[in-house]
Amino acid sequence: MEGWLDQLALEKGLGKLTLQGYGHDLDRLARWARERGWRPVDFDPVRAAEHLAWLSGSGLGPRSVARARSAISGFFRFLQAEGDLPSNPLQDQPVPKAGRPLPRILSIPEVLSLLDAPDASTPLKARDGALLELLYATGMRVSESVNLPLSGWLPEEGLVRVTGKGDKERIVPVGNLAVRRIERWIREIRPTLAPRCDRILLNSRGGALSRISAWQILDKWARIAGIQTDDGSGEKGGHRIHPHVLRHSFATHLLQGGADLRAVQEMLGHSSVSTTEIYTHLDISTLREVHATCHPRARS
């Protein structure tokens, strides 16, 4: 398992979180197989299908099962290439339909309420405001925002240089309001935290802000702004608002404003336009909701 994950990291440049997800899928497979006294060589198409059925029956959603299937099939291909398996037992198994649930988004008034929540009365509040502004202004992932170095910030051009998945670099425009707020943080307030690194966003000790802390900051200000809801499950998905919601809102608001789909794809760093197309589906659903609410024949 470690050999395959190392190969993915070195040859395909997969990100840390993707590798952790695949590793979790393989650990679950290993535990399941050990309980039955099976080694990898003992797997055949029937036993491989049995494991996928067990995953579905254990409460995993279709997307999670599809990812697990991808991880396990890739691992079996690796073993086949290494000469440890005669064939990939998942090669002819049908790929489960993962489905594409519509992403959660905020309305424009909700976004403005969130961005206005933190003031600049303390350095950390100013840092929080810069984080929220950066996430919504650029649509970058939270991991990209906390890893963004000062060299990636190009205020005179109104641009930011983002390093995304697979170390792919992209350039994203930044609006004037966001530039002014983030520039004030960088030039006037950030130095008061005695920076110990070149990251734009810092923690209270001057080090790089962590991904977990960014989640907590967004959750805090969403609650203060009165737009956070929690289903009480304690799970990540139980919160209505998380960093990716700002990314979804960024893309949806651009498309609703008439932006070109390919341009949005470029700004999000999607390798395929089909990934970006989900935001057009979301826009259509919004139009349907408006129609159902407002059209007299729909109301009747």
C-alpha atoms as a PDB file:
ATOM      1  CA  MET A   1       0.000   0.000   0.000  1.00  0.00           C
ATOM      2  CA  GLU A   2       2.788   2.425   0.896  1.00  0.00           C
ATOM      3  CA  GLY A   3       4.530   1.674  -2.401  1.00  0.00           C
ATOM      4  CA  TRP A   4       1.426   2.508  -4.413  1.00  0.00           C
ATOM      5  CA  LEU A   5       0.750   5.732  -2.507  1.00  0.00           C
ATOM      6  CA  ASP A   6       4.390   6.772  -2.979  1.00  0.00           C
ATOM      7  CA  GLN A   7       4.045   6.140  -6.704  1.00  0.00           C
ATOM      8  CA  LEU A   8       0.909   8.321  -6.858  1.00  0.00           C
ATOM      9  CA  ALA A   9       2.680  11.136  -5.030  1.00  0.00           C
ATOM     10  CA  LEU A  10       5.847  11.024  -7.124  1.00  0.00           C
ATOM     11  CA  GLU A  11       4.560  10.173 -10.597  1.00  0.00           C
ATOM     12  CA  LYS A  12       1.097  11.752 -10.595  1.00  0.00           C
ATOM     13  CA  GLY A  13       1.676  14.568  -8.134  1.00  0.00           C
ATOM     14  CA  LEU A  14      -1.541  13.873  -6.208  1.00  0.00           C
ATOM     15  CA  GLY A  15      -2.185  16.159  -3.257  1.00  0.00           C
ATOM     16  CA  LYS A  16      -1.789  15.197   0.384  1.00  0.00           C
ATOM     17  CA  LEU A  17      -5.518  15.125   1.093  1.00  0.00           C
ATOM     18  CA  THR A  18      -6.264  12.925  -1.942  1.00  0.00           C
ATOM     19  CA  LEU A  19      -3.554  10.495  -0.869  1.00  0.00           C
ATOM     20  CA  GLN A  20      -4.947  10.437   2.667  1.00  0.00           C
ATOM     21  CA  GLY A  21      -8.402   9.596   1.275  1.00  0.00           C
ATOM     22  CA  TYR A  22      -7.016   6.753  -0.841  1.00  0.00           C
ATOM     23  CA  GLY A  23      -5.022   5.497   2.130  1.00  0.00           C
ATOM     24  CA  HIS A  24      -8.173   5.449   4.250  1.00  0.00           C
ATOM     25  CA  ASP A  25      -9.981   3.435   1.560  1.00  0.00           C
ATOM     26  CA  LEU A  26      -7.157   0.894   1.430  1.00  0.00           C
ATOM     27  CA  ASP A  27      -6.933   0.617   5.232  1.00  0.00           C
ATOM     28  CA  ARG A  28     -10.640  -0.211   5.295  1.00  0.00           C
ATOM     29  CA  LEU A  29     -10.134  -2.829   2.580  1.00  0.00           C
ATOM     30  CA  ALA A  30      -7.213  -4.354   4.505  1.00  0.00           C
ATOM     31  CA  ARG A  31      -9.220  -4.627   7.747  1.00  0.00           C
ATOM     32  CA  TRP A  32     -12.148  -6.170   5.904  1.00  0.00           C
ATOM     33  CA  ALA A  33      -9.892  -8.706   4.166  1.00  0.00           C
ATOM     34  CA  ARG A  34      -8.008  -9.632   7.363  1.00  0.00           C
ATOM     35  CA  GLU A  35     -11.302 -10.451   9.087  1.00  0.00           C
ATOM     36  CA  ARG A  36     -11.861 -13.044   6.348  1.00  0.00           C
ATOM     37  CA  GLY A  37      -8.282 -14.283   6.273  1.00  0.00           C
ATOM     38  CA  TRP A  38      -7.731 -13.006   2.701  1.00  0.00           C
ATOM     39  CA  ARG A  39      -4.591 -11.609   1.131  1.00  0.00           C
ATOM     40  CA  PRO A  40      -4.612  -9.441  -2.019  1.00  0.00           C
ATOM     41  CA  VAL A  41      -3.886 -12.506  -4.152  1.00  0.00           C
ATOM     42  CA  ASP A  42      -7.084 -14.123  -2.821  1.00  0.00           C
ATOM     43  CA  PHE A  43      -9.292 -11.455  -4.412  1.00  0.00           C
ATOM     44  CA  ASP A  44     -11.260 -12.343  -7.506  1.00  0.00           C
ATOM     45  CA  PRO A  45     -14.100 -10.387  -9.229  1.00  0.00           C
ATOM     46  CA  VAL A  46     -16.718 -11.916  -6.905  1.00  0.00           C
ATOM     47  CA  ARG A  47     -14.861 -11.007  -3.710  1.00  0.00           C
ATOM     48  CA  ALA A  48     -14.028  -7.535  -5.025  1.00  0.00           C
ATOM     49  CA  ALA A  49     -17.705  -6.955  -5.834  1.00  0.00           C
ATOM     50  CA  GLU A  50     -18.607  -8.262  -2.374  1.00  0.00           C
ATOM     51  CA  HIS A  51     -16.416  -5.613  -0.784  1.00  0.00           C
ATOM     52  CA  LEU A  52     -18.047  -2.826  -2.809  1.00  0.00           C
ATOM     53  CA  ALA A  53     -21.475  -4.124  -1.798  1.00  0.00           C
ATOM     54  CA  TRP A  54     -20.342  -4.161   1.842  1.00  0.00           C
ATOM     55  CA  LEU A  55     -19.245  -0.526   1.523  1.00  0.00           C
ATOM     56  CA  SER A  56     -22.661   0.464   0.190  1.00  0.00           C
ATOM     57  CA  GLY A  57     -24.407  -1.472   2.928  1.00  0.00           C
ATOM     58  CA  SER A  58     -22.265   0.154   5.637  1.00  0.00           C
ATOM     59  CA  GLY A  59     -23.815   3.548   4.961  1.00  0.00           C
ATOM     60  CA  LEU A  60     -21.278   5.096   2.592  1.00  0.00           C
ATOM     61  CA  GLY A  61     -22.789   7.392  -0.039  1.00  0.00           C
ATOM     62  CA  PRO A  62     -22.443   6.731  -3.778  1.00  0.00           C
ATOM     63  CA  ARG A  63     -19.612   9.257  -4.172  1.00  0.00           C
ATOM     64  CA  SER A  64     -17.611   7.681  -1.332  1.00  0.00           C
ATOM     65  CA  VAL A  65     -18.109   4.190  -2.764  1.00  0.00           C
ATOM     66  CA  ALA A  66     -17.037   5.408  -6.208  1.00  0.00           C
ATOM     67  CA  ARG A  67     -13.856   6.918  -4.753  1.00  0.00           C
ATOM     68  CA  ALA A  68     -13.123   3.719  -2.816  1.00  0.00           C
ATOM     69  CA  ARG A  69     -13.593   1.675  -5.987  1.00  0.00           C
ATOM     70  CA  SER A  70     -11.167   3.960  -7.827  1.00  0.00           C
ATOM     71  CA  ALA A  71      -8.568   3.612  -5.050  1.00  0.00           C
ATOM     72  CA  ILE A  72      -8.900  -0.180  -4.790  1.00  0.00           C
ATOM     73  CA  SER A  73      -8.826  -0.695  -8.552  1.00  0.00           C
ATOM     74  CA  GLY A  74      -5.722   1.477  -8.820  1.00  0.00           C
ATOM     75  CA  PHE A  75      -4.060  -0.518  -6.047  1.00  0.00           C
ATOM     76  CA  PHE A  76      -4.887  -3.814  -7.770  1.00  0.00           C
ATOM     77  CA  ARG A  77      -3.476  -2.454 -11.069  1.00  0.00           C
ATOM     78  CA  PHE A  78      -0.294  -1.553  -9.208  1.00  0.00           C
ATOM     79  CA  LEU A  79      -0.026  -5.087  -7.791  1.00  0.00           C
ATOM     80  CA  GLN A  80      -0.638  -6.526 -11.262  1.00  0.00           C
ATOM     81  CA  ALA A  81       2.139  -4.360 -12.727  1.00  0.00           C
ATOM     82  CA  GLU A  82       4.468  -5.479  -9.915  1.00  0.00           C
ATOM     83  CA  GLY A  83       3.712  -9.124 -10.705  1.00  0.00           C
ATOM     84  CA  ASP A  84       1.909  -9.756  -7.416  1.00  0.00           C
ATOM     85  CA  LEU A  85      -1.533 -10.299  -9.001  1.00  0.00           C
ATOM     86  CA  PRO A  86      -2.370 -12.095 -12.249  1.00  0.00           C
ATOM     87  CA  SER A  87      -5.103  -9.549 -13.092  1.00  0.00           C
ATOM     88  CA  ASN A  88      -7.109  -6.683 -11.658  1.00  0.00           C
ATOM     89  CA  PRO A  89     -10.284  -8.236 -10.140  1.00  0.00           C
ATOM     90  CA  LEU A  90     -12.115  -4.915 -10.557  1.00  0.00           C
ATOM     91  CA  GLN A  91     -11.214  -4.480 -14.226  1.00  0.00           C
ATOM     92  CA  ASP A  92     -14.590  -5.617 -15.563  1.00  0.00           C
ATOM     93  CA  GLN A  93     -16.706  -4.458 -12.625  1.00  0.00           C
ATOM     94  CA  PRO A  94     -19.144  -1.650 -13.514  1.00  0.00           C
ATOM     95  CA  VAL A  95     -18.320   1.760 -12.074  1.00  0.00           C
ATOM     96  CA  PRO A  96     -21.084   2.886  -9.671  1.00  0.00           C
ATOM     97  CA  LYS A  97     -22.872   6.096 -10.506  1.00  0.00           C
ATOM     98  CA  ALA A  98     -21.659   8.633  -7.970  1.00  0.00           C
ATOM     99  CA  GLY A  99     -24.195  11.327  -8.753  1.00  0.00           C
ATOM    100  CA  ARG A 100     -23.483  15.031  -8.618  1.00  0.00           C
ATOM    101  CA  PRO A 101     -25.348  16.807  -5.828  1.00  0.00           C
ATOM    102  CA  LEU A 102     -25.722  20.521  -6.340  1.00  0.00           C
ATOM    103  CA  PRO A 103     -23.258  22.490  -4.205  1.00  0.00           C
ATOM    104  CA  ARG A 104     -24.395  24.778  -1.447  1.00  0.00           C
ATOM    105  CA  ILE A 105     -24.024  28.483  -2.162  1.00  0.00           C
ATOM    106  CA  LEU A 106     -24.645  31.769  -0.401  1.00  0.00           C
ATOM    107  CA  SER A 107     -26.751  34.570  -1.781  1.00  0.00           C
ATOM    108  CA  ILE A 108     -24.952  37.822  -2.543  1.00  0.00           C
ATOM    109  CA  PRO A 109     -26.486  39.554   0.533  1.00  0.00           C
ATOM    110  CA  GLU A 110     -25.299  36.649   2.700  1.00  0.00           C
ATOM    111  CA  VAL A 111     -21.767  36.933   1.306  1.00  0.00           C
ATOM    112  CA  LEU A 112     -21.707  40.684   1.944  1.00  0.00           C
ATOM    113  CA  SER A 113     -22.958  40.126   5.483  1.00  0.00           C
ATOM    114  CA  LEU A 114     -20.169  37.594   6.073  1.00  0.00           C
ATOM    115  CA  LEU A 115     -17.439  39.815   4.613  1.00  0.00           C
ATOM    116  CA  ASP A 116     -18.573  42.791   6.695  1.00  0.00           C
ATOM    117  CA  ALA A 117     -18.677  40.824   9.971  1.00  0.00           C
ATOM    118  CA  PRO A 118     -14.982  41.125  10.983  1.00  0.00           C
ATOM    119  CA  ASP A 119     -13.655  44.669  11.374  1.00  0.00           C
ATOM    120  CA  ALA A 120      -9.995  45.675  11.695  1.00  0.00           C
ATOM    121  CA  SER A 121     -10.077  46.584  15.394  1.00  0.00           C
ATOM    122  CA  THR A 122      -7.487  43.889  16.195  1.00  0.00           C
ATOM    123  CA  PRO A 123      -4.786  42.258  14.050  1.00  0.00           C
ATOM    124  CA  LEU A 124      -6.520  38.871  14.150  1.00  0.00           C
ATOM    125  CA  LYS A 125      -9.890  40.333  13.133  1.00  0.00           C
ATOM    126  CA  ALA A 126      -8.155  42.070  10.234  1.00  0.00           C
ATOM    127  CA  ARG A 127      -6.513  38.731   9.325  1.00  0.00           C
ATOM    128  CA  ASP A 128      -9.910  37.025   9.417  1.00  0.00           C
ATOM    129  CA  GLY A 129     -11.359  39.669   7.104  1.00  0.00           C
ATOM    130  CA  ALA A 130      -8.464  39.209   4.686  1.00  0.00           C
ATOM    131  CA  LEU A 131      -9.019  35.430   4.666  1.00  0.00           C
ATOM    132  CA  LEU A 132     -12.742  35.732   3.920  1.00  0.00           C
ATOM    133  CA  GLU A 133     -12.116  38.352   1.256  1.00  0.00           C
ATOM    134  CA  LEU A 134      -9.436  36.208  -0.377  1.00  0.00           C
ATOM    135  CA  LEU A 135     -11.629  33.088  -0.473  1.00  0.00           C
ATOM    136  CA  TYR A 136     -14.605  34.819  -2.072  1.00  0.00           C
ATOM    137  CA  ALA A 137     -12.661  37.210  -4.325  1.00  0.00           C
ATOM    138  CA  THR A 138     -10.632  34.430  -5.960  1.00  0.00           C
ATOM    139  CA  GLY A 139     -12.594  31.197  -5.427  1.00  0.00           C
ATOM    140  CA  MET A 140      -9.424  29.464  -4.271  1.00  0.00           C
ATOM    141  CA  ARG A 141      -9.471  26.347  -2.110  1.00  0.00           C
ATOM    142  CA  VAL A 142      -8.802  26.845   1.593  1.00  0.00           C
ATOM    143  CA  SER A 143      -5.516  24.906   1.335  1.00  0.00           C
ATOM    144  CA  GLU A 144      -4.445  27.225  -1.488  1.00  0.00           C
ATOM    145  CA  SER A 145      -5.262  30.316   0.565  1.00  0.00           C
ATOM    146  CA  VAL A 146      -3.299  29.312   3.677  1.00  0.00           C
ATOM    147  CA  ASN A 147      -0.302  28.321   1.527  1.00  0.00           C
ATOM    148  CA  LEU A 148      -0.360  31.517  -0.558  1.00  0.00           C
ATOM    149  CA  PRO A 149       3.038  33.266  -0.293  1.00  0.00           C
ATOM    150  CA  LEU A 150       3.599  37.013  -0.472  1.00  0.00           C
ATOM    151  CA  SER A 151       5.248  36.494  -3.862  1.00  0.00           C
ATOM    152  CA  GLY A 152       1.923  35.251  -5.222  1.00  0.00           C
ATOM    153  CA  TRP A 153       0.169  38.522  -4.397  1.00  0.00           C
ATOM    154  CA  LEU A 154       0.251  40.997  -7.321  1.00  0.00           C
ATOM    155  CA  PRO A 155      -1.860  43.988  -6.200  1.00  0.00           C
ATOM    156  CA  GLU A 156      -0.703  46.448  -8.850  1.00  0.00           C
ATOM    157  CA  GLU A 157      -1.970  44.126 -11.559  1.00  0.00           C
ATOM    158  CA  GLY A 158      -5.025  43.097  -9.491  1.00  0.00           C
ATOM    159  CA  LEU A 159      -3.973  39.444  -9.682  1.00  0.00           C
ATOM    160  CA  VAL A 160      -3.018  36.534  -7.477  1.00  0.00           C
ATOM    161  CA  ARG A 161      -0.810  33.601  -8.509  1.00  0.00           C
ATOM    162  CA  VAL A 162      -2.245  30.376  -7.064  1.00  0.00           C
ATOM    163  CA  THR A 163      -0.557  26.967  -6.864  1.00  0.00           C
ATOM    164  CA  GLY A 164      -3.274  24.316  -6.974  1.00  0.00           C
ATOM    165  CA  LYS A 165      -3.596  20.553  -7.166  1.00  0.00           C
ATOM    166  CA  GLY A 166      -0.665  18.772  -8.765  1.00  0.00           C
ATOM    167  CA  ASP A 167       1.426  21.957  -8.316  1.00  0.00           C
ATOM    168  CA  LYS A 168      -0.407  23.538 -11.264  1.00  0.00           C
ATOM    169  CA  GLU A 169      -0.182  27.314 -11.275  1.00  0.00           C
ATOM    170  CA  ARG A 170      -2.965  29.667 -12.327  1.00  0.00           C
ATOM    171  CA  ILE A 171      -3.555  33.415 -12.333  1.00  0.00           C
ATOM    172  CA  VAL A 172      -6.813  34.766 -10.866  1.00  0.00           C
ATOM    173  CA  PRO A 173      -8.019  38.398 -10.982  1.00  0.00           C
ATOM    174  CA  VAL A 174      -8.906  40.147  -7.714  1.00  0.00           C
ATOM    175  CA  GLY A 175     -11.436  42.987  -7.460  1.00  0.00           C
ATOM    176  CA  ASN A 176     -10.537  46.479  -6.232  1.00  0.00           C
ATOM    177  CA  LEU A 177     -12.367  46.233  -2.897  1.00  0.00           C
ATOM    178  CA  ALA A 178     -10.633  42.969  -2.052  1.00  0.00           C
ATOM    179  CA  VAL A 179      -7.246  44.337  -3.147  1.00  0.00           C
ATOM    180  CA  ARG A 180      -7.561  47.336  -0.830  1.00  0.00           C
ATOM    181  CA  ARG A 181      -8.576  45.240   2.167  1.00  0.00           C
ATOM    182  CA  ILE A 182      -5.910  42.583   1.686  1.00  0.00           C
ATOM    183  CA  GLU A 183      -3.240  45.209   0.947  1.00  0.00           C
ATOM    184  CA  ARG A 184      -4.022  46.988   4.212  1.00  0.00           C
ATOM    185  CA  TRP A 185      -3.647  43.677   6.043  1.00  0.00           C
ATOM    186  CA  ILE A 186      -0.323  42.915   4.361  1.00  0.00           C
ATOM    187  CA  ARG A 187       1.254  46.391   4.561  1.00  0.00           C
ATOM    188  CA  GLU A 188      -0.074  47.817   7.833  1.00  0.00           C
ATOM    189  CA  ILE A 189      -1.304  45.039  10.104  1.00  0.00           C
ATOM    190  CA  ARG A 190       0.499  41.791   9.235  1.00  0.00           C
ATOM    191  CA  PRO A 191       3.922  43.131  10.409  1.00  0.00           C
ATOM    192  CA  THR A 192       2.539  43.597  13.953  1.00  0.00           C
ATOM    193  CA  LEU A 193       2.357  39.795  14.302  1.00  0.00           C
ATOM    194  CA  ALA A 194       6.155  39.489  13.831  1.00  0.00           C
ATOM    195  CA  PRO A 195       5.941  37.198  10.765  1.00  0.00           C
ATOM    196  CA  ARG A 196       8.070  34.069  10.867  1.00  0.00           C
ATOM    197  CA  CYS A 197       7.177  32.870   7.353  1.00  0.00           C
ATOM    198  CA  ASP A 198       6.346  34.246   3.903  1.00  0.00           C
ATOM    199  CA  ARG A 199       2.666  33.246   3.962  1.00  0.00           C
ATOM    200  CA  ILE A 200       0.111  36.019   3.559  1.00  0.00           C
ATOM    201  CA  LEU A 201      -2.149  34.621   6.284  1.00  0.00           C
ATOM    202  CA  LEU A 202      -0.608  34.197   9.731  1.00  0.00           C
ATOM    203  CA  ASN A 203      -1.610  32.734  13.065  1.00  0.00           C
ATOM    204  CA  SER A 204      -1.315  34.684  16.327  1.00  0.00           C
ATOM    205  CA  ARG A 205       2.344  33.620  16.721  1.00  0.00           C
ATOM    206  CA  GLY A 206       3.409  34.838  13.296  1.00  0.00           C
ATOM    207  CA  GLY A 207       3.506  31.390  11.726  1.00  0.00           C
ATOM    208  CA  ALA A 208       1.465  30.090   8.803  1.00  0.00           C
ATOM    209  CA  LEU A 209      -2.274  29.822   9.370  1.00  0.00           C
ATOM    210  CA  SER A 210      -3.437  26.197   9.307  1.00  0.00           C
ATOM    211  CA  ARG A 211      -6.234  24.784   7.192  1.00  0.00           C
ATOM    212  CA  ILE A 212      -8.180  23.772  10.311  1.00  0.00           C
ATOM    213  CA  SER A 213      -7.896  27.283  11.737  1.00  0.00           C
ATOM    214  CA  ALA A 214      -9.245  28.723   8.479  1.00  0.00           C
ATOM    215  CA  TRP A 215     -12.292  26.432   8.810  1.00  0.00           C
ATOM    216  CA  GLN A 216     -12.819  27.610  12.387  1.00  0.00           C
ATOM    217  CA  ILE A 217     -12.505  31.279  11.413  1.00  0.00           C
ATOM    218  CA  LEU A 218     -15.144  30.963   8.703  1.00  0.00           C
ATOM    219  CA  ASP A 219     -17.476  29.066  11.039  1.00  0.00           C
ATOM    220  CA  LYS A 220     -17.065  31.739  13.744  1.00  0.00           C
ATOM    221  CA  TRP A 221     -17.866  34.695  11.494  1.00  0.00           C
ATOM    222  CA  ALA A 222     -20.712  32.889   9.724  1.00  0.00           C
ATOM    223  CA  ARG A 223     -22.327  32.390  13.123  1.00  0.00           C
ATOM    224  CA  ILE A 224     -21.762  36.017  14.086  1.00  0.00           C
ATOM    225  CA  ALA A 225     -23.271  37.094  10.748  1.00  0.00           C
ATOM    226  CA  GLY A 226     -26.289  34.891  11.491  1.00  0.00           C
ATOM    227  CA  ILE A 227     -25.941  32.732   8.366  1.00  0.00           C
ATOM    228  CA  GLN A 228     -24.483  29.533   9.839  1.00  0.00           C
ATOM    229  CA  THR A 229     -26.654  26.514  10.600  1.00  0.00           C
ATOM    230  CA  ASP A 230     -25.610  23.215  12.147  1.00  0.00           C
ATOM    231  CA  ASP A 231     -27.524  19.935  12.072  1.00  0.00           C
ATOM    232  CA  GLY A 232     -25.879  18.856  15.331  1.00  0.00           C
ATOM    233  CA  SER A 233     -24.139  15.832  13.807  1.00  0.00           C
ATOM    234  CA  GLY A 234     -20.652  17.151  14.511  1.00  0.00           C
ATOM    235  CA  GLU A 235     -19.698  16.210  10.961  1.00  0.00           C
ATOM    236  CA  LYS A 236     -18.109  18.570   8.443  1.00  0.00           C
ATOM    237  CA  GLY A 237     -21.112  18.313   6.158  1.00  0.00           C
ATOM    238  CA  GLY A 238     -23.431  19.207   9.030  1.00  0.00           C
ATOM    239  CA  HIS A 239     -22.461  22.837   8.707  1.00  0.00           C
ATOM    240  CA  ARG A 240     -24.131  24.824   5.978  1.00  0.00           C
ATOM    241  CA  ILE A 241     -21.138  27.101   5.468  1.00  0.00           C
ATOM    242  CA  HIS A 242     -17.561  25.921   5.047  1.00  0.00           C
ATOM    243  CA  PRO A 243     -14.685  27.235   2.892  1.00  0.00           C
ATOM    244  CA  HIS A 244     -15.776  25.413  -0.251  1.00  0.00           C
ATOM    245  CA  VAL A 245     -19.165  27.150  -0.049  1.00  0.00           C
ATOM    246  CA  LEU A 246     -17.399  30.436  -0.765  1.00  0.00           C
ATOM    247  CA  ARG A 247     -15.687  28.781  -3.741  1.00  0.00           C
ATOM    248  CA  HIS A 248     -19.066  27.537  -4.997  1.00  0.00           C
ATOM    249  CA  SER A 249     -20.586  30.983  -4.456  1.00  0.00           C
ATOM    250  CA  PHE A 250     -17.712  32.661  -6.324  1.00  0.00           C
ATOM    251  CA  ALA A 251     -18.283  30.464  -9.391  1.00  0.00           C
ATOM    252  CA  THR A 252     -22.078  30.664  -9.325  1.00  0.00           C
ATOM    253  CA  HIS A 253     -22.188  34.435  -8.925  1.00  0.00           C
ATOM    254  CA  LEU A 254     -19.758  34.861 -11.828  1.00  0.00           C
ATOM    255  CA  LEU A 255     -21.896  32.702 -14.117  1.00  0.00           C
ATOM    256  CA  GLN A 256     -25.082  34.423 -13.021  1.00  0.00           C
ATOM    257  CA  GLY A 257     -23.399  37.709 -13.910  1.00  0.00           C
ATOM    258  CA  GLY A 258     -22.686  36.493 -17.445  1.00  0.00           C
ATOM    259  CA  ALA A 259     -19.141  35.115 -17.108  1.00  0.00           C
ATOM    260  CA  ASP A 260     -17.868  32.639 -19.707  1.00  0.00           C
ATOM    261  CA  LEU A 261     -17.775  29.049 -18.484  1.00  0.00           C
ATOM    262  CA  ARG A 262     -14.219  28.509 -19.730  1.00  0.00           C
ATOM    263  CA  ALA A 263     -13.030  31.607 -17.876  1.00  0.00           C
ATOM    264  CA  VAL A 264     -14.578  30.333 -14.635  1.00  0.00           C
ATOM    265  CA  GLN A 265     -12.953  26.934 -15.252  1.00  0.00           C
ATOM    266  CA  GLU A 266      -9.566  28.648 -15.569  1.00  0.00           C
ATOM    267  CA  MET A 267     -10.051  30.688 -12.392  1.00  0.00           C
ATOM    268  CA  LEU A 268     -11.109  27.633 -10.381  1.00  0.00           C
ATOM    269  CA  GLY A 269      -8.229  25.541 -11.691  1.00  0.00           C
ATOM    270  CA  HIS A 270     -10.462  22.722 -12.960  1.00  0.00           C
ATOM    271  CA  SER A 271      -8.698  20.409 -15.400  1.00  0.00           C
ATOM    272  CA  SER A 272     -11.984  19.637 -17.178  1.00  0.00           C
ATOM    273  CA  VAL A 273     -14.829  21.989 -18.035  1.00  0.00           C
ATOM    274  CA  SER A 274     -17.277  19.207 -17.110  1.00  0.00           C
ATOM    275  CA  THR A 275     -16.358  19.803 -13.455  1.00  0.00           C
ATOM    276  CA  THR A 276     -17.255  23.472 -13.791  1.00  0.00           C
ATOM    277  CA  GLU A 277     -20.552  22.727 -15.551  1.00  0.00           C
ATOM    278  CA  ILE A 278     -22.198  21.779 -12.252  1.00  0.00           C
ATOM    279  CA  TYR A 279     -22.487  25.516 -11.564  1.00  0.00           C
ATOM    280  CA  THR A 280     -24.562  25.978 -14.711  1.00  0.00           C
ATOM    281  CA  HIS A 281     -26.889  23.244 -13.417  1.00  0.00           C
ATOM    282  CA  LEU A 282     -27.165  25.156 -10.161  1.00  0.00           C
ATOM    283  CA  ASP A 283     -28.086  28.311 -12.027  1.00  0.00           C
ATOM    284  CA  ILE A 284     -30.795  26.422 -13.936  1.00  0.00           C
ATOM    285  CA  SER A 285     -32.205  25.119 -10.657  1.00  0.00           C
ATOM    286  CA  THR A 286     -32.363  28.697  -9.380  1.00  0.00           C
ATOM    287  CA  LEU A 287     -34.264  29.753 -12.488  1.00  0.00           C
ATOM    288  CA  ARG A 288     -36.704  26.887 -12.012  1.00  0.00           C
ATOM    289  CA  GLU A 289     -37.290  27.925  -8.415  1.00  0.00           C
ATOM    290  CA  VAL A 290     -38.003  31.501  -9.507  1.00  0.00           C
ATOM    291  CA  HIS A 291     -40.364  30.236 -12.218  1.00  0.00           C
ATOM    292  CA  ALA A 292     -42.215  27.933  -9.825  1.00  0.00           C
ATOM    293  CA  THR A 293     -42.623  30.751  -7.314  1.00  0.00           C
ATOM    294  CA  CYS A 294     -43.546  33.591  -9.638  1.00  0.00           C
ATOM    295  CA  HIS A 295     -45.283  32.264 -12.739  1.00  0.00           C
ATOM    296  CA  PRO A 296     -49.076  32.196 -12.329  1.00  0.00           C
ATOM    297  CA  ARG A 297     -49.501  28.909 -14.193  1.00  0.00           C
ATOM    298  CA  ALA A 298     -46.736  27.317 -12.124  1.00  0.00           C
ATOM    299  CA  ARG A 299     -48.331  28.513  -8.865  1.00  0.00           C
ATOM    300  CA  SER A 300     -51.699  27.115  -9.815  1.00  0.00           C
END
